[in-house]
Amino acid sequence: MGFNVKSFFLLIVFAALSPTFLFGSEWRNLDDEHRLGGRKCSSDYLVGKVVLVCSWSLADKNLDAKLTRMQELWESFKSKNFVLLGSCRLESESEREKAKKKIKSLNLTFPQYESVTNESLPPVEVRPEMAVMDAFGELVYSGNSDRRASELFIERISYYDTPINKEELKSVFDFEFNEKPASALIRFAAVKKDKMFSKDKELIKELEKKADELKKIKNIQELVSLVTVSLKHKDCSYKNKMELSRASGNIESAIKKYSYLKNSDNKEVAREAKGALADLKWALVRVKKR
């Protein structure tokens, strides 16, 4: 059999767009065994998210102040396409309960796990305090400056949420087309109304062709509805008890209505559904505490 250039090219494209290629490897230790507090997280949930990893140990100087700053940061940006991930290095098993008590005493709600790892990150033993990974899984910062880490993750959130030119938009849309189909359709609907991009007929035609492909996916419209509801309730910014009560009912209804999507045969649909459902369940917890 002769060498098929077209098949080889398609294989390379497929590899380049696969989660394993994009993210290097699965995140590890994001399980119940290693969980110390805060909201639950998973490797699938982090796909397409800007991630700030805050590494700490009980022996760190000014630990309370550091973790309190991180909590404030989380409160300010948790409704964005962003996850703040606490990674605690335990020197001994006896420190586990102490770490859990620390997290609880400081009312930390961002995900906290023991020694979170990923091939893109430096080893836990020598890892700096801060690491930033963009939505495409690229390590863009590793160091000890809270300020620099904050600047970079805000920049990367902006790049993903509000692309400022055609090239950035196509890069983000192509990623979502392959990994987050509902998000891609939601983005396309917004692009058609955007003054910056809507007049570019060539761009709209190109994105529309891909959007039409996504619309053929089984249960895609239901997934779009689920993700839309999830985005609406992610920041839990309700003004009064009536809004809280209404939100609680809407969230519970959406979870019940769309839970079956997490079992979809389409792995991208299942993954995006699991992420949206996780956000809704966390929103429900926070709503009921208020």
Protein backbone atom coordinates (compact mmCIF):
# COMPACT_ATOMS: atom_id res chain seq x y z
CA MET A 1 0.00 0.00 0.00
CA GLY A 2 1.42 3.42 -0.98
CA PHE A 3 1.83 6.34 1.38
CA ASN A 4 -1.42 8.34 1.55
CA VAL A 5 -0.56 11.99 2.14
CA LYS A 6 -4.18 12.98 2.71
CA SER A 7 -4.74 10.29 5.35
CA PHE A 8 -1.51 11.21 7.09
CA PHE A 9 -2.52 14.88 7.16
CA LEU A 10 -5.94 14.04 8.60
CA LEU A 11 -4.29 11.90 11.29
CA ILE A 12 -2.06 14.82 12.29
CA VAL A 13 -5.05 17.18 12.42
CA PHE A 14 -7.01 14.71 14.55
CA ALA A 15 -4.10 14.35 16.95
CA ALA A 16 -3.63 18.09 17.19
CA LEU A 17 -7.26 18.58 18.11
CA SER A 18 -7.55 15.78 20.63
CA PRO A 19 -7.74 16.58 24.38
CA THR A 20 -4.65 14.44 25.06
CA PHE A 21 -2.62 16.44 22.58
CA LEU A 22 -3.99 19.75 23.75
CA PHE A 23 -3.65 19.13 27.43
CA GLY A 24 -0.59 16.92 27.52
CA SER A 25 -2.10 14.61 30.11
CA GLU A 26 -4.98 14.24 32.49
CA TRP A 27 -4.91 16.20 35.70
CA ARG A 28 -4.16 13.82 38.54
CA ASN A 29 -5.29 13.62 42.17
CA LEU A 30 -8.60 15.35 41.45
CA ASP A 31 -10.54 12.61 43.24
CA ASP A 32 -12.30 12.12 46.55
CA GLU A 33 -9.24 10.49 48.08
CA HIS A 34 -7.15 13.63 47.59
CA ARG A 35 -9.90 16.21 48.07
CA LEU A 36 -9.41 18.52 51.06
CA GLY A 37 -12.26 21.02 50.67
CA GLY A 38 -13.99 23.60 48.48
CA ARG A 39 -16.08 22.67 45.48
CA LYS A 40 -15.41 19.44 43.64
CA CYS A 41 -13.42 19.47 40.42
CA SER A 42 -12.37 16.99 37.73
CA SER A 43 -9.98 16.69 34.83
CA ASP A 44 -12.86 16.88 32.35
CA TYR A 45 -14.20 20.03 34.00
CA LEU A 46 -10.90 21.83 33.42
CA VAL A 47 -10.99 21.32 29.65
CA GLY A 48 -11.27 24.77 28.08
CA LYS A 49 -10.82 26.59 31.41
CA VAL A 50 -8.12 29.07 32.37
CA VAL A 51 -6.59 27.46 35.46
CA LEU A 52 -4.63 29.18 38.22
CA VAL A 53 -2.92 26.61 40.46
CA CYS A 54 -2.10 27.93 43.93
CA SER A 55 0.38 25.58 45.63
CA TRP A 56 0.74 25.76 49.41
CA SER A 57 1.74 23.90 52.54
CA LEU A 58 0.98 24.37 56.23
CA ALA A 59 4.58 25.55 56.76
CA ASP A 60 4.25 28.51 54.37
CA LYS A 61 4.80 32.00 55.79
CA ASN A 62 1.75 34.29 55.86
CA LEU A 63 -0.39 31.35 54.76
CA ASP A 64 -3.70 32.76 56.02
CA ALA A 65 -3.17 36.04 54.19
CA LYS A 66 -2.20 34.23 50.99
CA LEU A 67 -5.20 31.90 50.98
CA THR A 68 -7.55 34.76 51.89
CA ARG A 69 -6.28 36.74 48.88
CA MET A 70 -6.88 33.71 46.69
CA GLN A 71 -10.43 33.37 47.99
CA GLU A 72 -11.10 37.03 47.16
CA LEU A 73 -9.72 36.42 43.68
CA TRP A 74 -11.99 33.39 43.28
CA GLU A 75 -15.03 35.37 44.36
CA SER A 76 -14.23 38.05 41.77
CA PHE A 77 -13.72 35.72 38.81
CA LYS A 78 -15.56 32.46 39.52
CA SER A 79 -18.34 33.36 37.06
CA LYS A 80 -15.75 33.57 34.27
CA ASN A 81 -14.16 30.78 32.23
CA PHE A 82 -11.75 30.23 35.09
CA VAL A 83 -10.87 27.81 37.89
CA LEU A 84 -8.68 28.56 40.89
CA LEU A 85 -7.23 25.26 42.02
CA GLY A 86 -5.63 24.87 45.44
CA SER A 87 -2.86 22.26 45.59
CA CYS A 88 -1.72 21.46 49.13
CA ARG A 89 1.58 19.66 49.74
CA LEU A 90 1.29 17.48 52.83
CA GLU A 91 4.51 16.60 54.60
CA SER A 92 2.84 13.74 56.47
CA GLU A 93 -0.52 12.02 56.72
CA SER A 94 -1.12 13.72 60.09
CA GLU A 95 -1.27 17.08 58.28
CA ARG A 96 -4.35 16.10 56.28
CA GLU A 97 -6.87 16.97 59.01
CA LYS A 98 -4.95 20.15 59.84
CA ALA A 99 -5.17 21.22 56.21
CA LYS A 100 -8.91 20.50 56.11
CA LYS A 101 -9.42 22.55 59.27
CA LYS A 102 -7.42 25.41 57.78
CA ILE A 103 -9.56 25.41 54.66
CA LYS A 104 -12.75 25.34 56.71
CA SER A 105 -11.64 28.05 59.16
CA LEU A 106 -10.83 30.43 56.29
CA ASN A 107 -14.11 29.61 54.50
CA LEU A 108 -12.30 28.70 51.29
CA THR A 109 -14.72 27.63 48.57
CA PHE A 110 -12.38 27.15 45.60
CA PRO A 111 -11.32 23.53 44.89
CA GLN A 112 -8.66 22.22 47.28
CA TYR A 113 -6.81 18.98 46.62
CA GLU A 114 -3.61 17.30 47.75
CA SER A 115 -0.66 17.60 45.34
CA VAL A 116 -2.50 18.24 42.07
CA THR A 117 -0.29 17.25 39.14
CA ASN A 118 -0.19 17.57 35.37
CA GLU A 119 2.71 16.94 32.98
CA SER A 120 2.77 20.63 32.08
CA LEU A 121 3.35 21.63 35.71
CA PRO A 122 6.68 21.49 37.57
CA PRO A 123 6.98 18.60 40.11
CA VAL A 124 5.11 19.21 43.36
CA GLU A 125 8.33 19.15 45.41
CA VAL A 126 9.89 22.11 43.57
CA ARG A 127 6.80 23.84 42.22
CA PRO A 128 6.56 27.62 42.67
CA GLU A 129 3.52 29.02 44.46
CA MET A 130 1.63 30.03 41.30
CA ALA A 131 1.08 28.44 37.90
CA VAL A 132 -1.27 29.60 35.13
CA MET A 133 -2.54 27.40 32.30
CA ASP A 134 -4.59 28.94 29.52
CA ALA A 135 -7.83 27.53 28.12
CA PHE A 136 -5.90 25.50 25.54
CA GLY A 137 -3.82 23.74 28.19
CA GLU A 138 -0.60 25.71 27.72
CA LEU A 139 1.48 26.62 30.78
CA VAL A 140 1.93 30.40 30.54
CA TYR A 141 3.35 31.16 33.98
CA SER A 142 5.14 29.39 36.81
CA GLY A 143 6.55 31.51 39.62
CA ASN A 144 5.97 33.09 43.03
CA SER A 145 4.38 36.39 42.04
CA ASP A 146 0.66 36.64 42.88
CA ARG A 147 0.50 39.83 40.87
CA ARG A 148 2.04 38.43 37.69
CA ALA A 149 -0.07 35.28 37.90
CA SER A 150 -3.21 37.44 38.32
CA GLU A 151 -2.29 39.64 35.36
CA LEU A 152 -1.75 36.64 33.12
CA PHE A 153 -4.89 34.70 34.04
CA ILE A 154 -7.02 37.84 33.58
CA GLU A 155 -5.38 38.36 30.18
CA ARG A 156 -6.06 34.75 29.19
CA ILE A 157 -9.68 34.88 30.38
CA SER A 158 -10.17 37.97 28.23
CA TYR A 159 -8.57 36.25 25.22
CA TYR A 160 -11.00 33.34 25.53
CA ASP A 161 -14.14 35.24 26.50
CA THR A 162 -13.81 38.27 24.22
CA PRO A 163 -11.46 37.71 21.25
CA ILE A 164 -10.39 41.05 19.79
CA ASN A 165 -9.65 40.00 16.21
CA LYS A 166 -10.58 37.44 13.58
CA GLU A 167 -7.59 35.18 14.24
CA GLU A 168 -8.28 34.97 17.98
CA LEU A 169 -11.97 34.32 17.39
CA LYS A 170 -11.29 31.50 14.92
CA SER A 171 -8.75 29.93 17.28
CA VAL A 172 -11.23 29.90 20.17
CA PHE A 173 -14.17 28.80 18.01
CA ASP A 174 -12.19 25.94 16.45
CA PHE A 175 -11.23 24.73 19.92
CA GLU A 176 -14.86 24.81 21.08
CA PHE A 177 -15.99 23.17 17.82
CA ASN A 178 -13.89 20.13 18.73
CA GLU A 179 -14.21 20.10 22.52
CA LYS A 180 -17.28 22.12 23.63
CA PRO A 181 -19.98 21.99 20.93
CA ALA A 182 -22.69 23.85 22.84
CA SER A 183 -20.29 26.65 23.74
CA ALA A 184 -19.33 26.92 20.05
CA LEU A 185 -22.98 27.38 19.04
CA ILE A 186 -23.57 29.91 21.82
CA ARG A 187 -20.48 31.82 20.69
CA PHE A 188 -21.59 31.77 17.05
CA ALA A 189 -24.99 33.22 17.99
CA ALA A 190 -23.19 36.04 19.82
CA VAL A 191 -20.74 36.63 16.94
CA LYS A 192 -23.64 37.17 14.50
CA LYS A 193 -24.79 40.07 16.71
CA ASP A 194 -21.33 41.47 17.35
CA LYS A 195 -20.61 44.74 15.52
CA MET A 196 -16.94 43.87 15.16
CA PHE A 197 -17.44 40.52 13.40
CA SER A 198 -20.97 40.42 11.99
CA LYS A 199 -20.07 42.44 8.87
CA ASP A 200 -17.33 40.00 7.88
CA LYS A 201 -19.42 37.83 5.55
CA GLU A 202 -16.56 35.44 4.81
CA LEU A 203 -15.98 34.80 8.52
CA ILE A 204 -19.68 34.34 9.28
CA LYS A 205 -20.04 31.93 6.36
CA GLU A 206 -17.06 29.90 7.57
CA LEU A 207 -18.34 29.69 11.15
CA GLU A 208 -21.89 29.02 10.04
CA LYS A 209 -20.76 25.99 8.04
CA LYS A 210 -19.18 24.53 11.18
CA ALA A 211 -22.18 25.51 13.31
CA ASP A 212 -24.46 23.61 10.91
CA GLU A 213 -22.30 20.52 11.48
CA LEU A 214 -22.69 20.86 15.23
CA LYS A 215 -26.46 21.19 14.94
CA LYS A 216 -26.57 17.63 13.60
CA ILE A 217 -25.24 16.24 16.88
CA LYS A 218 -27.83 14.31 18.86
CA ASN A 219 -29.30 16.33 21.77
CA ILE A 220 -27.19 19.39 20.91
CA GLN A 221 -30.08 21.84 21.40
CA GLU A 222 -30.79 20.39 24.83
CA LEU A 223 -27.09 20.77 25.67
CA VAL A 224 -27.15 24.40 24.53
CA SER A 225 -30.13 24.99 26.83
CA LEU A 226 -28.31 23.34 29.76
CA VAL A 227 -25.11 25.35 29.24
CA THR A 228 -27.13 28.57 28.87
CA VAL A 229 -28.91 27.96 32.18
CA SER A 230 -25.60 27.07 33.82
CA LEU A 231 -23.97 30.31 32.67
CA LYS A 232 -26.94 32.31 33.90
CA HIS A 233 -26.68 30.99 37.45
CA LYS A 234 -22.92 30.62 37.77
CA ASP A 235 -22.25 33.81 39.75
CA CYS A 236 -25.32 33.46 42.04
CA SER A 237 -25.89 37.24 42.07
CA TYR A 238 -29.46 37.46 43.32
CA LYS A 239 -30.91 40.60 44.87
CA ASN A 240 -33.60 39.28 47.22
CA LYS A 241 -35.28 36.18 48.65
CA MET A 242 -37.78 36.02 45.81
CA GLU A 243 -34.99 35.84 43.24
CA LEU A 244 -33.20 33.23 45.38
CA SER A 245 -36.31 31.09 45.58
CA ARG A 246 -36.94 31.37 41.85
CA ALA A 247 -33.32 30.57 41.08
CA SER A 248 -33.36 27.53 43.34
CA GLY A 249 -36.41 26.16 41.54
CA ASN A 250 -34.98 26.85 38.09
CA ILE A 251 -31.65 25.21 38.95
CA GLU A 252 -33.25 22.10 40.43
CA SER A 253 -35.54 21.83 37.40
CA ALA A 254 -32.63 22.12 34.95
CA ILE A 255 -30.56 19.51 36.80
CA LYS A 256 -33.47 17.08 36.74
CA LYS A 257 -34.35 17.80 33.11
CA TYR A 258 -30.88 17.56 31.60
CA SER A 259 -29.02 15.06 33.81
CA TYR A 260 -29.36 12.35 31.15
CA LEU A 261 -26.97 14.30 28.89
CA LYS A 262 -23.98 13.32 31.03
CA ASN A 263 -24.47 9.75 29.78
CA SER A 264 -24.38 10.70 26.10
CA ASP A 265 -22.49 8.41 23.72
CA ASN A 266 -20.84 11.55 22.35
CA LYS A 267 -17.89 12.17 24.67
CA GLU A 268 -17.79 15.92 24.01
CA VAL A 269 -21.52 16.26 24.76
CA ALA A 270 -21.14 14.16 27.92
CA ARG A 271 -18.11 16.15 29.11
CA GLU A 272 -19.70 19.55 28.53
CA ALA A 273 -22.93 18.39 30.16
CA LYS A 274 -21.04 17.15 33.23
CA GLY A 275 -19.33 20.53 33.56
CA ALA A 276 -22.57 22.48 33.25
CA LEU A 277 -24.35 20.20 35.72
CA ALA A 278 -21.45 20.55 38.18
CA ASP A 279 -21.76 24.34 38.00
CA LEU A 280 -25.51 24.13 38.59
CA LYS A 281 -25.13 21.80 41.57
CA TRP A 282 -22.57 24.12 43.12
CA ALA A 283 -24.83 27.13 42.45
CA LEU A 284 -27.67 25.27 44.17
CA VAL A 285 -25.50 24.64 47.26
CA ARG A 286 -24.61 28.35 47.45
CA VAL A 287 -28.19 29.50 46.86
CA LYS A 288 -29.51 27.31 49.69
CA LYS A 289 -26.87 28.65 52.08
CA ARG A 290 -28.02 32.25 51.57
